[in-house]
Amino acid sequence: MKKHKHFLAFTTSAALLVPIVAPVTTVAEGFPDIEGSSHEEAINALVKEGVINGYPDGTFKPNKTLSRSDVVKMMGKWLVTLGFQVPADYKSKPRFNDLTPSSNEELLKYAALVKDNGVFIGTPDANLHAEGEITRENMAMVIVRAYDAIHGTNLINHVAQSSFNKDVKDRGQAKAEARPYIDVLDFYDITNPASPAFHPKNTTTRGQFASFLYKTSNIVDEAKSEPRQESEPRQEPEPRQDEPAQETMPIPGQTPTSEPSPVPPVIEEDFEITSIE
């Protein structure tokens, strides 16, 4: 069965995307370092809507790697602009063991928000590892979980009940809990159908994130009308020896129990997010 390609026009979903990344500089004619890139359309669409901008030197740096802290702050501010509230005890009760009340204010706020809403859970040892890089499999999990939290959907259940031709051939290289999330990206062609290797263990770049975000935010599907259902409890993954322990992701539809920034940034100051007043 063919995949579903249900997407809204970008202008329709721009309200969801505006808070994702704050502009650093305005570029009217595009970025010279994204011409011909597979991410060019997504980046330009986000720039046109004022969602994301480049660096002061006029470049976008699509190959720059995202950190776990970057993602926490991005997703946290996205949720805030959509009506989610930062927990009042974000400072007195840091959500991760490697954060303290004296940690960066912005990171504390959004770490609490994304943790409490099940968007970003942390490692099995309850740490954030803010400086660590985020893998493609974990980015897939965070984005799908955020979409579900915002829309009250359960994309994993919906896709699991659908028959479609899978393009991703290296799904088996991903940790078990990430595979259903990768299936969601595959189902909606958020992954590149022409490139069967998803490379789940690789890091995530700015360009990749732009494409993931642009496509995922434009999903329109009957899954939105399906009631959320409780799924099996998530399993905590074992940290890999060759990279920082990775965050675990609850199954979409499950009530969040535990998959990004208004004060000084911590990791990537020129890739920050600005909330809409």
Protein backbone atom coordinates (compact mmCIF):
# COMPACT_ATOMS: atom_id res chain seq x y z
CA MET A 1 0.00 0.00 0.00
CA LYS A 2 1.22 3.47 -0.79
CA LYS A 3 2.37 5.79 1.93
CA HIS A 4 0.21 8.67 3.02
CA LYS A 5 1.51 12.08 2.10
CA HIS A 6 -0.83 14.27 4.07
CA PHE A 7 0.77 17.66 4.52
CA LEU A 8 -0.56 21.14 5.08
CA ALA A 9 0.77 24.06 3.14
CA PHE A 10 3.58 25.53 5.17
CA THR A 11 1.73 28.78 5.68
CA THR A 12 -1.06 26.90 7.41
CA SER A 13 1.23 25.43 10.03
CA ALA A 14 3.57 28.38 10.40
CA ALA A 15 2.04 29.24 13.77
CA LEU A 16 3.33 25.95 15.11
CA LEU A 17 6.80 26.57 13.81
CA VAL A 18 7.52 30.19 14.63
CA PRO A 19 8.94 29.54 18.10
CA ILE A 20 11.37 26.88 17.04
CA VAL A 21 14.47 28.89 16.25
CA ALA A 22 15.21 32.55 16.79
CA PRO A 23 16.69 34.63 14.00
CA VAL A 24 20.28 35.71 14.38
CA THR A 25 20.46 37.62 11.15
CA THR A 26 18.07 38.26 8.30
CA VAL A 27 18.93 36.78 4.94
CA ALA A 28 16.72 37.87 2.06
CA GLU A 29 18.36 36.09 -0.84
CA GLY A 30 19.01 32.72 0.75
CA PHE A 31 22.20 31.15 2.02
CA PRO A 32 25.12 30.40 -0.31
CA ASP A 33 26.00 27.26 1.66
CA ILE A 34 22.64 25.53 1.15
CA GLU A 35 22.28 25.89 -2.62
CA GLY A 36 21.58 22.47 -4.06
CA SER A 37 21.22 20.92 -0.59
CA SER A 38 18.43 18.43 0.04
CA HIS A 39 17.46 20.68 2.96
CA GLU A 40 17.28 23.86 0.90
CA GLU A 41 13.50 23.87 0.47
CA ALA A 42 12.84 23.34 4.18
CA ILE A 43 15.40 25.91 5.28
CA ASN A 44 14.14 28.54 2.84
CA ALA A 45 10.53 27.93 3.86
CA LEU A 46 11.41 28.32 7.53
CA VAL A 47 13.41 31.48 6.80
CA LYS A 48 10.58 32.95 4.74
CA GLU A 49 8.20 32.51 7.66
CA GLY A 50 10.71 34.01 10.09
CA VAL A 51 11.16 30.70 11.86
CA ILE A 52 14.89 30.18 11.49
CA ASN A 53 17.76 32.32 10.28
CA GLY A 54 21.43 31.99 9.74
CA TYR A 55 24.68 33.30 11.10
CA PRO A 56 25.96 36.89 11.01
CA ASP A 57 28.32 35.98 8.17
CA GLY A 58 25.33 35.22 5.93
CA THR A 59 25.66 31.44 6.05
CA PHE A 60 23.34 28.84 7.54
CA LYS A 61 25.89 26.16 8.44
CA PRO A 62 23.54 23.24 7.63
CA ASN A 63 26.16 20.68 8.62
CA LYS A 64 26.69 21.99 12.13
CA THR A 65 25.77 19.35 14.71
CA LEU A 66 23.02 19.91 17.27
CA SER A 67 23.58 19.27 20.97
CA ARG A 68 21.12 17.74 23.39
CA SER A 69 20.82 21.11 25.12
CA ASP A 70 19.92 22.77 21.81
CA VAL A 71 17.09 20.32 21.29
CA VAL A 72 15.75 20.66 24.84
CA LYS A 73 15.56 24.43 24.48
CA MET A 74 14.04 24.34 21.00
CA MET A 75 11.28 21.96 21.97
CA GLY A 76 10.64 23.72 25.27
CA LYS A 77 10.07 27.09 23.67
CA TRP A 78 7.91 25.52 20.99
CA LEU A 79 5.65 24.11 23.71
CA VAL A 80 5.51 27.44 25.58
CA THR A 81 4.33 29.35 22.52
CA LEU A 82 1.58 26.77 22.09
CA GLY A 83 0.23 27.32 25.59
CA PHE A 84 2.27 24.88 27.67
CA GLN A 85 3.39 26.25 31.03
CA VAL A 86 6.86 26.04 32.52
CA PRO A 87 6.54 24.13 35.82
CA ALA A 88 6.73 26.43 38.84
CA ASP A 89 9.27 24.16 40.53
CA TYR A 90 11.67 24.08 37.57
CA LYS A 91 14.45 25.60 39.66
CA SER A 92 13.85 24.05 43.05
CA LYS A 93 13.43 20.61 41.51
CA PRO A 94 15.76 20.15 38.52
CA ARG A 95 14.51 17.31 36.35
CA PHE A 96 17.92 15.82 35.59
CA ASN A 97 20.62 14.70 38.00
CA ASP A 98 23.33 16.68 36.23
CA LEU A 99 21.40 19.96 36.57
CA THR A 100 21.31 21.99 39.77
CA PRO A 101 19.37 25.09 40.86
CA SER A 102 22.40 27.12 39.81
CA SER A 103 22.41 25.73 36.27
CA ASN A 104 21.48 27.98 33.37
CA GLU A 105 18.01 29.42 33.99
CA GLU A 106 16.81 28.86 30.45
CA LEU A 107 17.93 25.26 30.38
CA LEU A 108 16.33 24.55 33.75
CA LYS A 109 12.97 25.91 32.57
CA TYR A 110 12.78 24.01 29.37
CA ALA A 111 14.32 20.84 30.72
CA ALA A 112 11.50 20.71 33.26
CA LEU A 113 8.87 21.45 30.62
CA VAL A 114 9.98 18.85 28.09
CA LYS A 115 10.60 16.24 30.76
CA ASP A 116 7.19 16.68 32.37
CA ASN A 117 5.46 16.54 29.00
CA GLY A 118 7.32 13.44 27.89
CA VAL A 119 9.18 15.10 25.05
CA PHE A 120 12.73 14.60 26.33
CA ILE A 121 13.33 12.02 29.05
CA GLY A 122 17.05 11.81 29.58
CA THR A 123 19.45 8.94 30.00
CA PRO A 124 18.92 5.79 32.08
CA ASP A 125 20.97 7.41 34.85
CA ALA A 126 18.55 10.37 34.87
CA ASN A 127 21.07 12.79 33.39
CA LEU A 128 20.66 15.28 30.56
CA HIS A 129 24.23 15.30 29.22
CA ALA A 130 23.55 18.74 27.77
CA GLU A 131 26.85 18.96 25.95
CA GLY A 132 26.36 15.67 24.15
CA GLU A 133 25.32 15.39 20.52
CA ILE A 134 21.89 14.07 19.64
CA THR A 135 21.56 11.17 17.24
CA ARG A 136 19.17 10.92 14.33
CA GLU A 137 17.20 8.15 16.02
CA ASN A 138 16.74 10.28 19.12
CA MET A 139 15.81 13.34 17.07
CA ALA A 140 13.11 11.25 15.38
CA MET A 141 11.77 10.23 18.77
CA VAL A 142 11.76 13.77 20.15
CA ILE A 143 10.01 15.27 17.14
CA VAL A 144 7.29 12.61 16.98
CA ARG A 145 6.71 12.82 20.71
CA ALA A 146 6.45 16.61 20.54
CA TYR A 147 3.94 16.36 17.70
CA ASP A 148 1.85 13.92 19.73
CA ALA A 149 2.02 16.12 22.83
CA ILE A 150 0.83 19.14 20.85
CA HIS A 151 -1.92 17.44 18.84
CA GLY A 152 -3.04 14.72 21.26
CA THR A 153 -2.28 12.08 18.65
CA ASN A 154 -0.63 8.70 18.72
CA LEU A 155 1.30 8.52 15.48
CA ILE A 156 3.02 5.27 16.39
CA ASN A 157 -0.27 3.43 16.91
CA HIS A 158 -1.68 4.94 13.76
CA VAL A 159 1.30 3.95 11.62
CA ALA A 160 1.49 0.49 13.22
CA GLN A 161 -2.07 -0.16 12.07
CA SER A 162 -1.32 1.01 8.53
CA SER A 163 0.17 -0.95 5.67
CA PHE A 164 2.85 0.81 3.66
CA ASN A 165 6.02 0.20 1.71
CA LYS A 166 8.98 0.85 3.97
CA ASP A 167 11.91 2.70 2.44
CA VAL A 168 14.26 2.70 5.43
CA LYS A 169 16.48 -0.35 5.17
CA ASP A 170 18.74 0.12 8.21
CA ARG A 171 15.91 0.33 10.74
CA GLY A 172 17.38 -2.70 12.49
CA GLN A 173 20.49 -0.70 13.39
CA ALA A 174 18.42 1.59 15.59
CA LYS A 175 17.72 0.81 19.22
CA ALA A 176 14.45 -1.09 19.57
CA GLU A 177 12.48 1.76 21.11
CA ALA A 178 13.41 4.11 18.27
CA ARG A 179 12.24 1.88 15.45
CA PRO A 180 8.51 2.74 15.65
CA TYR A 181 9.39 6.44 15.57
CA ILE A 182 11.55 5.93 12.51
CA ASP A 183 8.58 4.10 10.97
CA VAL A 184 6.50 7.24 11.50
CA LEU A 185 9.06 9.33 9.62
CA ASP A 186 9.20 6.67 6.90
CA PHE A 187 5.40 6.48 6.62
CA TYR A 188 5.10 10.21 6.02
CA ASP A 189 8.19 10.36 3.79
CA ILE A 190 9.88 12.61 6.32
CA THR A 191 12.87 10.39 5.70
CA ASN A 192 14.23 10.59 2.18
CA PRO A 193 12.62 7.81 0.07
CA ALA A 194 15.54 8.00 -2.34
CA SER A 195 18.01 7.28 0.45
CA PRO A 196 17.13 3.97 2.15
CA ALA A 197 19.80 4.39 4.84
CA PHE A 198 18.55 6.45 7.78
CA HIS A 199 21.83 6.16 9.73
CA PRO A 200 20.11 6.16 13.13
CA LYS A 201 23.35 6.35 15.11
CA ASN A 202 24.67 9.39 13.28
CA THR A 203 24.41 12.86 14.78
CA THR A 204 21.78 15.39 13.68
CA THR A 205 22.69 18.58 11.85
CA ARG A 206 20.94 21.92 11.54
CA GLY A 207 19.93 21.10 8.00
CA GLN A 208 18.52 17.71 8.93
CA PHE A 209 16.62 19.20 11.82
CA ALA A 210 15.11 21.84 9.53
CA SER A 211 13.87 19.15 7.16
CA PHE A 212 12.54 16.93 9.94
CA LEU A 213 10.75 19.85 11.56
CA TYR A 214 9.34 21.30 8.35
CA LYS A 215 7.88 18.00 7.19
CA THR A 216 6.66 16.73 10.56
CA SER A 217 4.95 19.99 11.42
CA ASN A 218 3.02 19.81 8.17
CA ILE A 219 1.54 16.37 8.77
CA VAL A 220 -2.22 16.27 8.34
CA ASP A 221 -3.65 12.87 9.01
CA GLU A 222 -6.67 11.01 10.32
CA ALA A 223 -4.45 10.15 13.26
CA LYS A 224 -5.38 13.56 14.66
CA SER A 225 -8.94 12.41 15.15
CA GLU A 226 -8.03 9.14 16.78
CA PRO A 227 -8.20 9.01 20.59
CA ARG A 228 -4.90 8.56 22.30
CA GLN A 229 -4.42 5.07 23.71
CA GLU A 230 -2.23 3.76 26.44
CA SER A 231 0.64 1.70 25.11
CA GLU A 232 3.15 -0.61 26.71
CA PRO A 233 5.48 1.08 29.20
CA ARG A 234 8.65 2.32 27.59
CA GLN A 235 11.89 0.52 28.19
CA GLU A 236 14.97 2.41 29.32
CA PRO A 237 17.80 1.87 26.78
CA GLU A 238 21.30 0.80 27.65
CA PRO A 239 23.81 3.62 27.00
CA ARG A 240 26.23 2.94 24.19
CA GLN A 241 29.90 2.71 25.03
CA ASP A 242 31.00 4.92 22.17
CA GLU A 243 28.66 7.82 22.81
CA PRO A 244 26.87 9.53 25.71
CA ALA A 245 23.89 7.66 27.07
CA GLN A 246 20.83 8.62 25.07
CA GLU A 247 17.42 9.81 26.13
CA THR A 248 14.60 7.33 26.24
CA MET A 249 11.28 8.13 24.71
CA PRO A 250 7.83 7.17 25.98
CA ILE A 251 5.37 5.69 23.52
CA PRO A 252 3.18 8.42 22.05
CA GLY A 253 -0.26 8.48 23.63
CA GLN A 254 1.12 7.55 27.01
CA THR A 255 0.69 10.15 29.74
CA PRO A 256 4.10 11.83 30.04
CA THR A 257 5.91 10.88 33.20
CA SER A 258 9.33 11.91 33.01
CA GLU A 259 12.45 13.52 23.29
CA PRO A 260 14.95 23.02 23.52
CA SER A 261 15.43 28.19 25.37
CA PRO A 262 14.44 33.08 27.03
CA VAL A 263 17.75 33.60 29.11
CA PRO A 264 21.37 33.38 27.93
CA PRO A 265 21.94 30.32 25.77
CA VAL A 266 24.23 27.58 26.93
CA ILE A 267 25.48 25.62 23.96
CA GLU A 268 24.76 27.24 20.63
CA GLU A 269 24.23 30.94 21.09
CA ASP A 270 23.74 31.65 17.40
CA PHE A 271 21.08 28.93 16.99
CA GLU A 272 18.66 30.07 19.66
CA ILE A 273 14.92 30.29 19.87
CA THR A 274 12.73 33.27 20.59
CA SER A 275 9.25 32.99 22.06
CA ILE A 276 6.50 34.97 20.37
CA GLU A 277 5.30 37.81 22.60
